[in-house]
Amino acid sequence: MATTADPLASLGSLPGVADSVESVRKAVDRVYGHRVMRRRSSEVTAEAVLRGARASAALGGADWPLEEVRRRSDFGADAESRTVGAALRATAEAGQLLDVWRQSPLRVLARLHLVAAGGEADGERVGRPRLAGEPVEEPLVSGLALPDAAEVSARLDALAQLVVAGTSAPALVVAAVVHGELMALRPFGTYNGLVARAAERIVLIGGGLDPKSVCPSEVGHAEQGADAYVEALKGYVSGTPEGVAEWIGHCGRSVGLGARESTAVCEALQRGAA
């Protein structure tokens, strides 16, 4: 990808990617065109953040019912509750980091990991990429080869340079690459999935596809299932045009399903049921 001035833009010409981009745009436009969005968009955003966090936690191994997430205030009792709390914090924080992301993506990733980890032990490893020999806890993708620390550092720097340089690629493509690269690298010892999905959210918002953050792609990733998520990610890791296109398509379907979720929220608000 390093042979062009805008390497991400070339991904838009991969088979099926343009169709995914167009399909997602139509799905997002339907939500933004809903009459509820004219008056109560902040409520839809708040619900999308909650549902996105719940879904991200589910992929992280804590598949709690939405109402359980909504009513709980203690998220430190056990591993599952810590995962849910981490997802809630990281997803909420994502919306506050847009300006920093454009200037320093690595600072944002460090911040997301710090927020996700909260007050957990082993503070020396929180908020920084792992060093040689340090383990990674990410059971969902444990079957994928884990790059060593030197490769992680080099690829993170390259990813940051791409983000700062800017691109004409659609926001969906950029979001998929950021998400896929972070899951492939797993730069932190814990919570890489939560960080990667929060970073995807940042790109979708900042890239203008979903500026009000009402189309939670995390919901779509969870709805398609962990197996489909891992299989699509394997395509990205393979580096083949077909594999990368399939991952972008998977991310596109996830945004579309998130848009459908928020359309249902709009309908419920319109009926007075939410």
C-alpha atoms as a PDB file:
ATOM      1  CA  MET A   1       0.000   0.000   0.000  1.00  0.00           C
ATOM      2  CA  ALA A   2       2.989   2.326   0.287  1.00  0.00           C
ATOM      3  CA  THR A   3       3.357   2.951  -3.437  1.00  0.00           C
ATOM      4  CA  THR A   4       0.698   5.666  -3.729  1.00  0.00           C
ATOM      5  CA  ALA A   5       0.340   9.068  -2.129  1.00  0.00           C
ATOM      6  CA  ASP A   6      -3.044   8.041  -0.704  1.00  0.00           C
ATOM      7  CA  PRO A   7      -2.817   4.288  -0.090  1.00  0.00           C
ATOM      8  CA  LEU A   8      -6.209   4.012   1.595  1.00  0.00           C
ATOM      9  CA  ALA A   9      -7.984   5.524  -1.401  1.00  0.00           C
ATOM     10  CA  SER A  10      -6.993   2.576  -3.575  1.00  0.00           C
ATOM     11  CA  LEU A  11      -8.971   0.239  -1.314  1.00  0.00           C
ATOM     12  CA  GLY A  12     -12.170   1.841  -2.547  1.00  0.00           C
ATOM     13  CA  SER A  13     -11.668   0.142  -5.904  1.00  0.00           C
ATOM     14  CA  LEU A  14     -11.570  -3.366  -4.425  1.00  0.00           C
ATOM     15  CA  PRO A  15     -14.423  -5.638  -5.562  1.00  0.00           C
ATOM     16  CA  GLY A  16     -17.633  -4.904  -3.703  1.00  0.00           C
ATOM     17  CA  VAL A  17     -16.263  -2.041  -1.612  1.00  0.00           C
ATOM     18  CA  ALA A  18     -18.019   0.723  -3.547  1.00  0.00           C
ATOM     19  CA  ASP A  19     -21.311  -1.153  -3.146  1.00  0.00           C
ATOM     20  CA  SER A  20     -20.703  -1.466   0.606  1.00  0.00           C
ATOM     21  CA  VAL A  21     -19.990   2.244   0.891  1.00  0.00           C
ATOM     22  CA  GLU A  22     -23.149   3.140  -1.012  1.00  0.00           C
ATOM     23  CA  SER A  23     -25.305   0.717   0.975  1.00  0.00           C
ATOM     24  CA  VAL A  24     -24.027   2.089   4.269  1.00  0.00           C
ATOM     25  CA  ARG A  25     -24.584   5.682   3.190  1.00  0.00           C
ATOM     26  CA  LYS A  26     -28.222   4.914   2.360  1.00  0.00           C
ATOM     27  CA  ALA A  27     -28.741   3.158   5.704  1.00  0.00           C
ATOM     28  CA  VAL A  28     -27.233   6.059   7.631  1.00  0.00           C
ATOM     29  CA  ASP A  29     -29.233   8.612   5.649  1.00  0.00           C
ATOM     30  CA  ARG A  30     -32.450   6.805   6.596  1.00  0.00           C
ATOM     31  CA  VAL A  31     -31.704   7.251  10.289  1.00  0.00           C
ATOM     32  CA  TYR A  32     -30.705  10.886   9.927  1.00  0.00           C
ATOM     33  CA  GLY A  33     -33.861  11.547   7.928  1.00  0.00           C
ATOM     34  CA  HIS A  34     -36.143  10.200  10.655  1.00  0.00           C
ATOM     35  CA  ARG A  35     -38.381  12.879  12.128  1.00  0.00           C
ATOM     36  CA  VAL A  36     -37.311  11.980  15.679  1.00  0.00           C
ATOM     37  CA  MET A  37     -33.723  12.977  14.830  1.00  0.00           C
ATOM     38  CA  ARG A  38     -34.842  16.579  14.308  1.00  0.00           C
ATOM     39  CA  ARG A  39     -35.967  16.923  17.907  1.00  0.00           C
ATOM     40  CA  ARG A  40     -34.386  14.193  20.002  1.00  0.00           C
ATOM     41  CA  SER A  41     -31.086  13.297  18.392  1.00  0.00           C
ATOM     42  CA  SER A  42     -29.224  13.570  21.710  1.00  0.00           C
ATOM     43  CA  GLU A  43     -31.420  10.825  23.149  1.00  0.00           C
ATOM     44  CA  VAL A  44     -30.764   8.603  20.147  1.00  0.00           C
ATOM     45  CA  THR A  45     -27.024   9.227  20.497  1.00  0.00           C
ATOM     46  CA  ALA A  46     -27.063   8.329  24.193  1.00  0.00           C
ATOM     47  CA  GLU A  47     -28.937   5.109  23.476  1.00  0.00           C
ATOM     48  CA  ALA A  48     -26.584   4.258  20.605  1.00  0.00           C
ATOM     49  CA  VAL A  49     -23.569   4.696  22.885  1.00  0.00           C
ATOM     50  CA  LEU A  50     -25.116   2.399  25.490  1.00  0.00           C
ATOM     51  CA  ARG A  51     -26.077  -0.262  22.957  1.00  0.00           C
ATOM     52  CA  GLY A  52     -22.720  -0.012  21.224  1.00  0.00           C
ATOM     53  CA  ALA A  53     -20.878  -0.506  24.503  1.00  0.00           C
ATOM     54  CA  ARG A  54     -23.048  -3.479  25.428  1.00  0.00           C
ATOM     55  CA  ALA A  55     -22.335  -5.087  22.054  1.00  0.00           C
ATOM     56  CA  SER A  56     -18.604  -4.422  22.241  1.00  0.00           C
ATOM     57  CA  ALA A  57     -18.515  -6.004  25.699  1.00  0.00           C
ATOM     58  CA  ALA A  58     -20.396  -9.023  24.320  1.00  0.00           C
ATOM     59  CA  LEU A  59     -17.650  -9.580  21.752  1.00  0.00           C
ATOM     60  CA  GLY A  60     -15.184  -9.157  24.614  1.00  0.00           C
ATOM     61  CA  GLY A  61     -16.776 -12.073  26.473  1.00  0.00           C
ATOM     62  CA  ALA A  62     -19.426 -10.327  28.597  1.00  0.00           C
ATOM     63  CA  ASP A  63     -22.747 -10.771  26.800  1.00  0.00           C
ATOM     64  CA  TRP A  64     -25.145  -9.046  29.195  1.00  0.00           C
ATOM     65  CA  PRO A  65     -28.755  -8.112  28.452  1.00  0.00           C
ATOM     66  CA  LEU A  66     -29.155  -4.444  27.593  1.00  0.00           C
ATOM     67  CA  GLU A  67     -31.336  -3.731  30.616  1.00  0.00           C
ATOM     68  CA  GLU A  68     -28.739  -5.268  32.928  1.00  0.00           C
ATOM     69  CA  VAL A  69     -26.116  -2.896  31.525  1.00  0.00           C
ATOM     70  CA  ARG A  70     -28.545  -0.005  31.849  1.00  0.00           C
ATOM     71  CA  ARG A  71     -29.382  -0.568  35.506  1.00  0.00           C
ATOM     72  CA  ARG A  72     -25.964  -1.541  36.887  1.00  0.00           C
ATOM     73  CA  SER A  73     -23.604   0.945  38.502  1.00  0.00           C
ATOM     74  CA  ASP A  74     -20.960  -1.433  39.900  1.00  0.00           C
ATOM     75  CA  PHE A  75     -18.631  -2.802  37.226  1.00  0.00           C
ATOM     76  CA  GLY A  76     -15.702  -4.024  39.290  1.00  0.00           C
ATOM     77  CA  ALA A  77     -16.860  -7.215  40.967  1.00  0.00           C
ATOM     78  CA  ASP A  78     -15.669  -9.843  38.461  1.00  0.00           C
ATOM     79  CA  ALA A  79     -14.110 -10.259  35.028  1.00  0.00           C
ATOM     80  CA  GLU A  80     -17.373  -9.875  33.086  1.00  0.00           C
ATOM     81  CA  SER A  81     -18.487  -6.776  34.953  1.00  0.00           C
ATOM     82  CA  ARG A  82     -15.036  -5.227  34.482  1.00  0.00           C
ATOM     83  CA  THR A  83     -15.313  -5.868  30.746  1.00  0.00           C
ATOM     84  CA  VAL A  84     -18.733  -4.212  30.596  1.00  0.00           C
ATOM     85  CA  GLY A  85     -17.456  -1.238  32.587  1.00  0.00           C
ATOM     86  CA  ALA A  86     -14.421  -0.962  30.325  1.00  0.00           C
ATOM     87  CA  ALA A  87     -16.634  -0.986  27.228  1.00  0.00           C
ATOM     88  CA  LEU A  88     -18.912   1.705  28.637  1.00  0.00           C
ATOM     89  CA  ARG A  89     -15.984   3.957  29.506  1.00  0.00           C
ATOM     90  CA  ALA A  90     -14.136   3.497  26.209  1.00  0.00           C
ATOM     91  CA  THR A  91     -17.237   3.960  24.063  1.00  0.00           C
ATOM     92  CA  ALA A  92     -18.273   7.107  25.927  1.00  0.00           C
ATOM     93  CA  GLU A  93     -14.742   8.501  25.763  1.00  0.00           C
ATOM     94  CA  ALA A  94     -14.519   8.016  21.997  1.00  0.00           C
ATOM     95  CA  GLY A  95     -16.799  10.963  21.302  1.00  0.00           C
ATOM     96  CA  GLN A  96     -14.513  13.293  23.254  1.00  0.00           C
ATOM     97  CA  LEU A  97     -11.346  12.532  21.290  1.00  0.00           C
ATOM     98  CA  LEU A  98     -12.097  13.576  17.725  1.00  0.00           C
ATOM     99  CA  ASP A  99      -9.802  16.612  17.569  1.00  0.00           C
ATOM    100  CA  VAL A 100      -6.918  14.764  19.179  1.00  0.00           C
ATOM    101  CA  TRP A 101      -7.372  11.813  16.812  1.00  0.00           C
ATOM    102  CA  ARG A 102      -6.701  13.940  13.758  1.00  0.00           C
ATOM    103  CA  GLN A 103      -3.417  15.175  15.228  1.00  0.00           C
ATOM    104  CA  SER A 104      -2.179  12.242  17.302  1.00  0.00           C
ATOM    105  CA  PRO A 105      -3.935   8.891  16.869  1.00  0.00           C
ATOM    106  CA  LEU A 106      -1.440   7.127  19.133  1.00  0.00           C
ATOM    107  CA  ARG A 107      -2.325   9.459  22.010  1.00  0.00           C
ATOM    108  CA  VAL A 108      -5.975   8.598  21.500  1.00  0.00           C
ATOM    109  CA  LEU A 109      -5.307   4.863  21.498  1.00  0.00           C
ATOM    110  CA  ALA A 110      -3.300   5.210  24.702  1.00  0.00           C
ATOM    111  CA  ARG A 111      -6.122   7.219  26.255  1.00  0.00           C
ATOM    112  CA  LEU A 112      -8.765   4.690  25.222  1.00  0.00           C
ATOM    113  CA  HIS A 113      -6.771   1.872  26.781  1.00  0.00           C
ATOM    114  CA  LEU A 114      -6.170   3.870  29.950  1.00  0.00           C
ATOM    115  CA  VAL A 115      -9.885   4.635  30.249  1.00  0.00           C
ATOM    116  CA  ALA A 116     -10.881   1.047  29.522  1.00  0.00           C
ATOM    117  CA  ALA A 117      -8.443  -0.366  32.069  1.00  0.00           C
ATOM    118  CA  GLY A 118      -9.621   2.057  34.733  1.00  0.00           C
ATOM    119  CA  GLY A 119      -8.006   1.326  38.063  1.00  0.00           C
ATOM    120  CA  GLU A 120      -6.976  -2.227  37.276  1.00  0.00           C
ATOM    121  CA  ALA A 121      -3.692  -3.599  38.526  1.00  0.00           C
ATOM    122  CA  ASP A 122      -0.447  -3.717  36.547  1.00  0.00           C
ATOM    123  CA  GLY A 123      -0.581   0.000  35.877  1.00  0.00           C
ATOM    124  CA  GLU A 124       2.834  -0.012  34.212  1.00  0.00           C
ATOM    125  CA  ARG A 125       1.327  -1.761  31.183  1.00  0.00           C
ATOM    126  CA  VAL A 126      -1.747   0.452  30.880  1.00  0.00           C
ATOM    127  CA  GLY A 127      -1.870   3.019  28.095  1.00  0.00           C
ATOM    128  CA  ARG A 128       1.241   1.910  26.232  1.00  0.00           C
ATOM    129  CA  PRO A 129       1.997  -0.673  23.530  1.00  0.00           C
ATOM    130  CA  ARG A 130       3.276  -3.984  24.837  1.00  0.00           C
ATOM    131  CA  LEU A 131       6.970  -4.717  25.079  1.00  0.00           C
ATOM    132  CA  ALA A 132       8.765  -7.844  23.891  1.00  0.00           C
ATOM    133  CA  GLY A 133       7.641 -10.892  25.834  1.00  0.00           C
ATOM    134  CA  GLU A 134       4.564  -9.295  27.406  1.00  0.00           C
ATOM    135  CA  PRO A 135       1.407 -11.414  27.089  1.00  0.00           C
ATOM    136  CA  VAL A 136      -1.878 -10.434  25.463  1.00  0.00           C
ATOM    137  CA  GLU A 137      -5.345 -11.340  26.701  1.00  0.00           C
ATOM    138  CA  GLU A 138      -7.747 -11.335  23.746  1.00  0.00           C
ATOM    139  CA  PRO A 139      -9.447 -14.766  23.692  1.00  0.00           C
ATOM    140  CA  LEU A 140     -11.757 -13.974  20.780  1.00  0.00           C
ATOM    141  CA  VAL A 141      -8.862 -13.808  18.311  1.00  0.00           C
ATOM    142  CA  SER A 142      -6.358 -15.987  20.124  1.00  0.00           C
ATOM    143  CA  GLY A 143      -6.051 -18.160  17.013  1.00  0.00           C
ATOM    144  CA  LEU A 144      -4.570 -15.315  14.953  1.00  0.00           C
ATOM    145  CA  ALA A 145      -0.798 -14.962  14.789  1.00  0.00           C
ATOM    146  CA  LEU A 146       0.433 -12.287  17.183  1.00  0.00           C
ATOM    147  CA  PRO A 147       2.971  -9.814  15.760  1.00  0.00           C
ATOM    148  CA  ASP A 148       6.017  -9.151  17.899  1.00  0.00           C
ATOM    149  CA  ALA A 149       6.522  -5.847  19.702  1.00  0.00           C
ATOM    150  CA  ALA A 150       8.849  -4.416  17.049  1.00  0.00           C
ATOM    151  CA  GLU A 151       6.316  -5.043  14.276  1.00  0.00           C
ATOM    152  CA  VAL A 152       3.554  -3.586  16.422  1.00  0.00           C
ATOM    153  CA  SER A 153       5.525  -0.371  16.939  1.00  0.00           C
ATOM    154  CA  ALA A 154       6.346   0.014  13.254  1.00  0.00           C
ATOM    155  CA  ARG A 155       2.801  -0.641  12.069  1.00  0.00           C
ATOM    156  CA  LEU A 156       1.246   1.634  14.672  1.00  0.00           C
ATOM    157  CA  ASP A 157       3.512   4.442  13.509  1.00  0.00           C
ATOM    158  CA  ALA A 158       2.544   3.769   9.891  1.00  0.00           C
ATOM    159  CA  LEU A 159      -1.159   3.753  10.775  1.00  0.00           C
ATOM    160  CA  ALA A 160      -0.802   7.044  12.648  1.00  0.00           C
ATOM    161  CA  GLN A 161       0.967   8.611   9.689  1.00  0.00           C
ATOM    162  CA  LEU A 162      -1.871   7.582   7.373  1.00  0.00           C
ATOM    163  CA  VAL A 163      -4.466   9.111   9.678  1.00  0.00           C
ATOM    164  CA  VAL A 164      -2.585  12.391  10.137  1.00  0.00           C
ATOM    165  CA  ALA A 165      -1.813  12.698   6.421  1.00  0.00           C
ATOM    166  CA  GLY A 166      -5.500  12.424   5.573  1.00  0.00           C
ATOM    167  CA  THR A 167      -7.142  10.493   2.775  1.00  0.00           C
ATOM    168  CA  SER A 168      -9.855  10.741   0.168  1.00  0.00           C
ATOM    169  CA  ALA A 169     -11.002   7.212   1.054  1.00  0.00           C
ATOM    170  CA  PRO A 170     -14.560   6.896   2.396  1.00  0.00           C
ATOM    171  CA  ALA A 171     -14.897   6.927   6.168  1.00  0.00           C
ATOM    172  CA  LEU A 172     -16.082   3.318   6.112  1.00  0.00           C
ATOM    173  CA  VAL A 173     -12.847   2.195   4.479  1.00  0.00           C
ATOM    174  CA  VAL A 174     -10.675   4.140   6.922  1.00  0.00           C
ATOM    175  CA  ALA A 175     -12.674   2.871   9.906  1.00  0.00           C
ATOM    176  CA  ALA A 176     -12.373  -0.720   8.722  1.00  0.00           C
ATOM    177  CA  VAL A 177      -8.611  -0.419   8.259  1.00  0.00           C
ATOM    178  CA  VAL A 178      -8.109   1.181  11.674  1.00  0.00           C
ATOM    179  CA  HIS A 179     -10.267  -1.461  13.345  1.00  0.00           C
ATOM    180  CA  GLY A 180      -8.673  -4.343  11.444  1.00  0.00           C
ATOM    181  CA  GLU A 181      -5.122  -3.151  12.008  1.00  0.00           C
ATOM    182  CA  LEU A 182      -5.621  -2.767  15.746  1.00  0.00           C
ATOM    183  CA  MET A 183      -7.151  -6.215  16.041  1.00  0.00           C
ATOM    184  CA  ALA A 184      -4.358  -7.719  13.954  1.00  0.00           C
ATOM    185  CA  LEU A 185      -1.670  -6.025  16.085  1.00  0.00           C
ATOM    186  CA  ARG A 186      -3.309  -6.234  19.529  1.00  0.00           C
ATOM    187  CA  PRO A 187      -0.884  -3.573  20.776  1.00  0.00           C
ATOM    188  CA  PHE A 188      -2.025  -3.633  24.410  1.00  0.00           C
ATOM    189  CA  GLY A 189      -2.006  -6.379  26.976  1.00  0.00           C
ATOM    190  CA  THR A 190      -5.778  -6.189  27.465  1.00  0.00           C
ATOM    191  CA  TYR A 191      -8.944  -4.708  25.971  1.00  0.00           C
ATOM    192  CA  ASN A 192      -7.641  -4.493  22.396  1.00  0.00           C
ATOM    193  CA  GLY A 193     -11.047  -5.334  20.986  1.00  0.00           C
ATOM    194  CA  LEU A 194     -12.760  -2.606  22.982  1.00  0.00           C
ATOM    195  CA  VAL A 195     -10.122  -0.083  21.904  1.00  0.00           C
ATOM    196  CA  ALA A 196     -10.318  -1.136  18.247  1.00  0.00           C
ATOM    197  CA  ARG A 197     -14.096  -0.842  18.129  1.00  0.00           C
ATOM    198  CA  ALA A 198     -14.005   2.532  19.914  1.00  0.00           C
ATOM    199  CA  ALA A 199     -11.417   3.735  17.386  1.00  0.00           C
ATOM    200  CA  GLU A 200     -13.689   2.600  14.555  1.00  0.00           C
ATOM    201  CA  ARG A 201     -16.447   4.701  16.121  1.00  0.00           C
ATOM    202  CA  ILE A 202     -14.140   7.745  16.213  1.00  0.00           C
ATOM    203  CA  VAL A 203     -13.343   7.414  12.504  1.00  0.00           C
ATOM    204  CA  LEU A 204     -16.999   7.012  11.540  1.00  0.00           C
ATOM    205  CA  ILE A 205     -17.886  10.162  13.483  1.00  0.00           C
ATOM    206  CA  GLY A 206     -14.883  12.250  12.467  1.00  0.00           C
ATOM    207  CA  GLY A 207     -15.046  11.084   8.859  1.00  0.00           C
ATOM    208  CA  GLY A 208     -18.549  12.490   8.532  1.00  0.00           C
ATOM    209  CA  LEU A 209     -20.384   9.228   7.926  1.00  0.00           C
ATOM    210  CA  ASP A 210     -22.047   9.268  11.342  1.00  0.00           C
ATOM    211  CA  PRO A 211     -21.341  12.708  12.875  1.00  0.00           C
ATOM    212  CA  LYS A 212     -23.933  12.346  15.650  1.00  0.00           C
ATOM    213  CA  SER A 213     -22.786   8.830  16.550  1.00  0.00           C
ATOM    214  CA  VAL A 214     -26.185   7.213  16.143  1.00  0.00           C
ATOM    215  CA  CYS A 215     -25.188   4.155  14.078  1.00  0.00           C
ATOM    216  CA  PRO A 216     -23.352   1.846  16.509  1.00  0.00           C
ATOM    217  CA  SER A 217     -21.244  -0.471  14.376  1.00  0.00           C
ATOM    218  CA  GLU A 218     -20.484  -2.490  17.516  1.00  0.00           C
ATOM    219  CA  VAL A 219     -24.101  -3.652  17.503  1.00  0.00           C
ATOM    220  CA  GLY A 220     -23.699  -4.927  13.961  1.00  0.00           C
ATOM    221  CA  HIS A 221     -20.431  -6.706  14.729  1.00  0.00           C
ATOM    222  CA  ALA A 222     -22.081  -8.497  17.635  1.00  0.00           C
ATOM    223  CA  GLU A 223     -25.264  -9.255  15.682  1.00  0.00           C
ATOM    224  CA  GLN A 224     -23.311 -10.927  12.903  1.00  0.00           C
ATOM    225  CA  GLY A 225     -21.671 -13.090  15.554  1.00  0.00           C
ATOM    226  CA  ALA A 226     -18.201 -13.744  16.893  1.00  0.00           C
ATOM    227  CA  ASP A 227     -17.457 -16.430  14.298  1.00  0.00           C
ATOM    228  CA  ALA A 228     -18.241 -14.112  11.383  1.00  0.00           C
ATOM    229  CA  TYR A 229     -16.210 -11.341  13.033  1.00  0.00           C
ATOM    230  CA  VAL A 230     -13.134 -13.552  13.394  1.00  0.00           C
ATOM    231  CA  GLU A 231     -13.506 -15.027   9.909  1.00  0.00           C
ATOM    232  CA  ALA A 232     -13.723 -11.583   8.304  1.00  0.00           C
ATOM    233  CA  LEU A 233     -10.771 -10.407  10.367  1.00  0.00           C
ATOM    234  CA  LYS A 234      -8.740 -13.338   9.071  1.00  0.00           C
ATOM    235  CA  GLY A 235      -9.379 -11.966   5.591  1.00  0.00           C
ATOM    236  CA  TYR A 236      -7.961  -8.614   6.611  1.00  0.00           C
ATOM    237  CA  VAL A 237      -4.922 -10.227   8.229  1.00  0.00           C
ATOM    238  CA  SER A 238      -4.282 -12.248   5.070  1.00  0.00           C
ATOM    239  CA  GLY A 239      -3.639  -8.992   3.199  1.00  0.00           C
ATOM    240  CA  THR A 240      -5.204 -10.294  -0.008  1.00  0.00           C
ATOM    241  CA  PRO A 241      -7.486  -7.927  -1.940  1.00  0.00           C
ATOM    242  CA  GLU A 242     -10.371 -10.356  -1.493  1.00  0.00           C
ATOM    243  CA  GLY A 243      -9.750 -10.684   2.233  1.00  0.00           C
ATOM    244  CA  VAL A 244      -9.450  -6.953   2.840  1.00  0.00           C
ATOM    245  CA  ALA A 245     -12.589  -6.319   0.772  1.00  0.00           C
ATOM    246  CA  GLU A 246     -14.496  -8.901   2.800  1.00  0.00           C
ATOM    247  CA  TRP A 247     -13.442  -7.224   6.050  1.00  0.00           C
ATOM    248  CA  ILE A 248     -14.532  -3.814   4.759  1.00  0.00           C
ATOM    249  CA  GLY A 249     -17.825  -5.370   3.691  1.00  0.00           C
ATOM    250  CA  HIS A 250     -18.247  -6.918   7.131  1.00  0.00           C
ATOM    251  CA  CYS A 251     -17.668  -3.522   8.753  1.00  0.00           C
ATOM    252  CA  GLY A 252     -20.135  -1.970   6.323  1.00  0.00           C
ATOM    253  CA  ARG A 253     -22.800  -4.498   7.245  1.00  0.00           C
ATOM    254  CA  SER A 254     -22.094  -3.756  10.902  1.00  0.00           C
ATOM    255  CA  VAL A 255     -22.699  -0.030  10.424  1.00  0.00           C
ATOM    256  CA  GLY A 256     -25.869  -0.828   8.497  1.00  0.00           C
ATOM    257  CA  LEU A 257     -27.147  -3.040  11.305  1.00  0.00           C
ATOM    258  CA  GLY A 258     -26.271  -0.313  13.798  1.00  0.00           C
ATOM    259  CA  ALA A 259     -28.289   2.124  11.721  1.00  0.00           C
ATOM    260  CA  ARG A 260     -31.203  -0.300  11.759  1.00  0.00           C
ATOM    261  CA  GLU A 261     -30.925  -0.526  15.550  1.00  0.00           C
ATOM    262  CA  SER A 262     -31.141   3.239  15.925  1.00  0.00           C
ATOM    263  CA  THR A 263     -34.034   3.430  13.486  1.00  0.00           C
ATOM    264  CA  ALA A 264     -35.881   1.110  15.858  1.00  0.00           C
ATOM    265  CA  VAL A 265     -34.933   3.401  18.736  1.00  0.00           C
ATOM    266  CA  CYS A 266     -36.351   6.369  16.803  1.00  0.00           C
ATOM    267  CA  GLU A 267     -39.583   4.467  16.204  1.00  0.00           C
ATOM    268  CA  ALA A 268     -39.839   3.599  19.895  1.00  0.00           C
ATOM    269  CA  LEU A 269     -39.261   7.216  20.900  1.00  0.00           C
ATOM    270  CA  GLN A 270     -41.902   8.319  18.427  1.00  0.00           C
ATOM    271  CA  ARG A 271     -44.392   5.891  19.983  1.00  0.00           C
ATOM    272  CA  GLY A 272     -43.386   7.017  23.476  1.00  0.00           C
ATOM    273  CA  ALA A 273     -42.085   3.538  24.294  1.00  0.00           C
ATOM    274  CA  ALA A 274     -38.504   4.569  25.050  1.00  0.00           C
END
